[in-house]
Amino acid sequence: MSRIHPALVLAFVALPFLAPWPAVAAPPSHTEPNPASMAVGAPVNINTADVKELMKLEGVGRRVAEKIVEYRDSHGPFKKPEELRKVEGIGSGLWEKNRTRIVIK
């Protein structure tokens, strides 16, 4: 039976400690946000917009856009932007996200 050389045992034991540790990602920097990335989309006239244009509002999918058009067709043009809240599917969160972009012309 052969014996294992002590230097070989030492190499196997010490090798994991000699290997470099994996690099750790640096934490994200806390710089000011880029104003261009915060830009909102163009205003949307809810009295003339079609379904596709209404879907450009944040959080408005096809079904909600269709409901806006149906409401407008049934009740006539909106008199003020806040009337949009009467449409089923337009809650306070969706309204707050888009209120600066919703216009009446």
C-alpha atoms as a PDB file:
ATOM      1  CA  MET A   1       0.000   0.000   0.000  1.00  0.00           C
ATOM      2  CA  SER A   2       1.351   3.409  -0.882  1.00  0.00           C
ATOM      3  CA  ARG A   3       1.316   6.441   1.347  1.00  0.00           C
ATOM      4  CA  ILE A   4       0.134   9.873   0.242  1.00  0.00           C
ATOM      5  CA  HIS A   5       2.867  12.472   0.367  1.00  0.00           C
ATOM      6  CA  PRO A   6       2.156  15.190   3.005  1.00  0.00           C
ATOM      7  CA  ALA A   7       2.859  18.000   0.510  1.00  0.00           C
ATOM      8  CA  LEU A   8       0.118  16.643  -1.750  1.00  0.00           C
ATOM      9  CA  VAL A   9      -2.386  16.632   1.119  1.00  0.00           C
ATOM     10  CA  LEU A  10      -1.378  20.196   1.988  1.00  0.00           C
ATOM     11  CA  ALA A  11      -1.911  21.271  -1.644  1.00  0.00           C
ATOM     12  CA  PHE A  12      -5.442  19.826  -1.723  1.00  0.00           C
ATOM     13  CA  VAL A  13      -6.324  21.433   1.588  1.00  0.00           C
ATOM     14  CA  ALA A  14      -4.808  24.851   0.799  1.00  0.00           C
ATOM     15  CA  LEU A  15      -5.901  25.112  -2.850  1.00  0.00           C
ATOM     16  CA  PRO A  16      -9.472  26.321  -2.183  1.00  0.00           C
ATOM     17  CA  PHE A  17      -8.130  29.093   0.029  1.00  0.00           C
ATOM     18  CA  LEU A  18      -5.649  30.245  -2.591  1.00  0.00           C
ATOM     19  CA  ALA A  19      -8.201  30.541  -5.409  1.00  0.00           C
ATOM     20  CA  PRO A  20      -9.536  34.063  -5.965  1.00  0.00           C
ATOM     21  CA  TRP A  21     -13.027  34.805  -4.699  1.00  0.00           C
ATOM     22  CA  PRO A  22     -15.703  35.553  -7.295  1.00  0.00           C
ATOM     23  CA  ALA A  23     -16.125  39.229  -8.025  1.00  0.00           C
ATOM     24  CA  VAL A  24     -19.014  40.902  -6.269  1.00  0.00           C
ATOM     25  CA  ALA A  25     -21.075  43.398  -8.232  1.00  0.00           C
ATOM     26  CA  ALA A  26     -20.825  46.965  -7.043  1.00  0.00           C
ATOM     27  CA  PRO A  27     -24.002  48.414  -5.575  1.00  0.00           C
ATOM     28  CA  PRO A  28     -25.952  50.680  -7.907  1.00  0.00           C
ATOM     29  CA  SER A  29     -24.892  54.282  -7.812  1.00  0.00           C
ATOM     30  CA  HIS A  30     -27.345  56.844  -6.524  1.00  0.00           C
ATOM     31  CA  THR A  31     -27.126  59.371  -9.288  1.00  0.00           C
ATOM     32  CA  GLU A  32     -29.871  61.691 -10.377  1.00  0.00           C
ATOM     33  CA  PRO A  33     -32.304  60.112 -12.860  1.00  0.00           C
ATOM     34  CA  ASN A  34     -31.984  61.118 -16.460  1.00  0.00           C
ATOM     35  CA  PRO A  35     -34.746  63.655 -17.247  1.00  0.00           C
ATOM     36  CA  ALA A  36     -35.102  62.207 -20.750  1.00  0.00           C
ATOM     37  CA  SER A  37     -36.024  58.814 -19.299  1.00  0.00           C
ATOM     38  CA  MET A  38     -38.724  60.435 -17.175  1.00  0.00           C
ATOM     39  CA  ALA A  39     -40.416  62.121 -20.113  1.00  0.00           C
ATOM     40  CA  VAL A  40     -44.058  61.215 -20.482  1.00  0.00           C
ATOM     41  CA  GLY A  41     -45.823  60.600 -23.733  1.00  0.00           C
ATOM     42  CA  ALA A  42     -47.790  63.065 -25.766  1.00  0.00           C
ATOM     43  CA  PRO A  43     -51.202  64.292 -24.628  1.00  0.00           C
ATOM     44  CA  VAL A  44     -54.193  62.165 -25.641  1.00  0.00           C
ATOM     45  CA  ASN A  45     -57.476  63.833 -26.572  1.00  0.00           C
ATOM     46  CA  ILE A  46     -60.033  61.424 -25.147  1.00  0.00           C
ATOM     47  CA  ASN A  47     -62.788  62.877 -27.347  1.00  0.00           C
ATOM     48  CA  THR A  48     -61.075  62.077 -30.655  1.00  0.00           C
ATOM     49  CA  ALA A  49     -58.633  59.244 -29.851  1.00  0.00           C
ATOM     50  CA  ASP A  50     -59.259  55.832 -31.326  1.00  0.00           C
ATOM     51  CA  VAL A  51     -58.583  52.571 -29.483  1.00  0.00           C
ATOM     52  CA  LYS A  52     -54.974  52.388 -30.646  1.00  0.00           C
ATOM     53  CA  GLU A  53     -54.193  55.933 -29.470  1.00  0.00           C
ATOM     54  CA  LEU A  54     -55.952  55.402 -26.126  1.00  0.00           C
ATOM     55  CA  MET A  55     -53.751  52.346 -25.564  1.00  0.00           C
ATOM     56  CA  LYS A  56     -50.747  54.685 -25.454  1.00  0.00           C
ATOM     57  CA  LEU A  57     -51.905  55.790 -22.010  1.00  0.00           C
ATOM     58  CA  GLU A  58     -50.067  53.958 -19.240  1.00  0.00           C
ATOM     59  CA  GLY A  59     -52.024  50.939 -18.028  1.00  0.00           C
ATOM     60  CA  VAL A  60     -54.710  51.146 -20.718  1.00  0.00           C
ATOM     61  CA  GLY A  61     -55.090  47.901 -22.630  1.00  0.00           C
ATOM     62  CA  ARG A  62     -57.300  47.132 -25.588  1.00  0.00           C
ATOM     63  CA  ARG A  63     -60.406  46.310 -23.526  1.00  0.00           C
ATOM     64  CA  VAL A  64     -60.264  49.502 -21.422  1.00  0.00           C
ATOM     65  CA  ALA A  65     -59.623  51.581 -24.550  1.00  0.00           C
ATOM     66  CA  GLU A  66     -62.668  49.981 -26.183  1.00  0.00           C
ATOM     67  CA  LYS A  67     -64.753  50.794 -23.091  1.00  0.00           C
ATOM     68  CA  ILE A  68     -63.663  54.447 -23.311  1.00  0.00           C
ATOM     69  CA  VAL A  69     -64.790  54.626 -26.948  1.00  0.00           C
ATOM     70  CA  GLU A  70     -68.078  52.840 -26.135  1.00  0.00           C
ATOM     71  CA  TYR A  71     -68.758  55.244 -23.255  1.00  0.00           C
ATOM     72  CA  ARG A  72     -68.015  58.240 -25.481  1.00  0.00           C
ATOM     73  CA  ASP A  73     -70.304  56.898 -28.216  1.00  0.00           C
ATOM     74  CA  SER A  74     -73.142  56.317 -25.718  1.00  0.00           C
ATOM     75  CA  HIS A  75     -72.828  59.497 -23.623  1.00  0.00           C
ATOM     76  CA  GLY A  76     -71.369  61.999 -26.073  1.00  0.00           C
ATOM     77  CA  PRO A  77     -68.024  63.769 -25.834  1.00  0.00           C
ATOM     78  CA  PHE A  78     -66.375  64.239 -22.469  1.00  0.00           C
ATOM     79  CA  LYS A  79     -66.860  67.743 -21.069  1.00  0.00           C
ATOM     80  CA  LYS A  80     -63.886  67.592 -18.696  1.00  0.00           C
ATOM     81  CA  PRO A  81     -61.020  65.098 -18.317  1.00  0.00           C
ATOM     82  CA  GLU A  82     -62.234  63.900 -14.899  1.00  0.00           C
ATOM     83  CA  GLU A  83     -65.335  62.383 -16.537  1.00  0.00           C
ATOM     84  CA  LEU A  84     -63.091  59.607 -17.798  1.00  0.00           C
ATOM     85  CA  ARG A  85     -63.270  58.156 -14.270  1.00  0.00           C
ATOM     86  CA  LYS A  86     -66.891  57.197 -14.968  1.00  0.00           C
ATOM     87  CA  VAL A  87     -65.708  54.585 -17.470  1.00  0.00           C
ATOM     88  CA  GLU A  88     -65.587  51.059 -16.077  1.00  0.00           C
ATOM     89  CA  GLY A  89     -61.935  50.039 -15.666  1.00  0.00           C
ATOM     90  CA  ILE A  90     -60.613  53.546 -15.007  1.00  0.00           C
ATOM     91  CA  GLY A  91     -59.682  53.550 -11.339  1.00  0.00           C
ATOM     92  CA  SER A  92     -57.865  56.132  -9.275  1.00  0.00           C
ATOM     93  CA  GLY A  93     -54.457  54.562  -9.951  1.00  0.00           C
ATOM     94  CA  LEU A  94     -54.838  54.611 -13.706  1.00  0.00           C
ATOM     95  CA  TRP A  95     -56.239  58.147 -13.550  1.00  0.00           C
ATOM     96  CA  GLU A  96     -53.320  59.412 -11.443  1.00  0.00           C
ATOM     97  CA  LYS A  97     -50.741  57.864 -13.793  1.00  0.00           C
ATOM     98  CA  ASN A  98     -52.241  59.624 -16.830  1.00  0.00           C
ATOM     99  CA  ARG A  99     -54.045  62.749 -15.648  1.00  0.00           C
ATOM    100  CA  THR A 100     -51.393  65.117 -17.012  1.00  0.00           C
ATOM    101  CA  ARG A 101     -51.689  63.552 -20.476  1.00  0.00           C
ATOM    102  CA  ILE A 102     -55.481  63.418 -20.757  1.00  0.00           C
ATOM    103  CA  VAL A 103     -56.886  66.409 -22.604  1.00  0.00           C
ATOM    104  CA  ILE A 104     -60.233  67.584 -24.017  1.00  0.00           C
ATOM    105  CA  LYS A 105     -60.314  69.559 -27.253  1.00  0.00           C
END
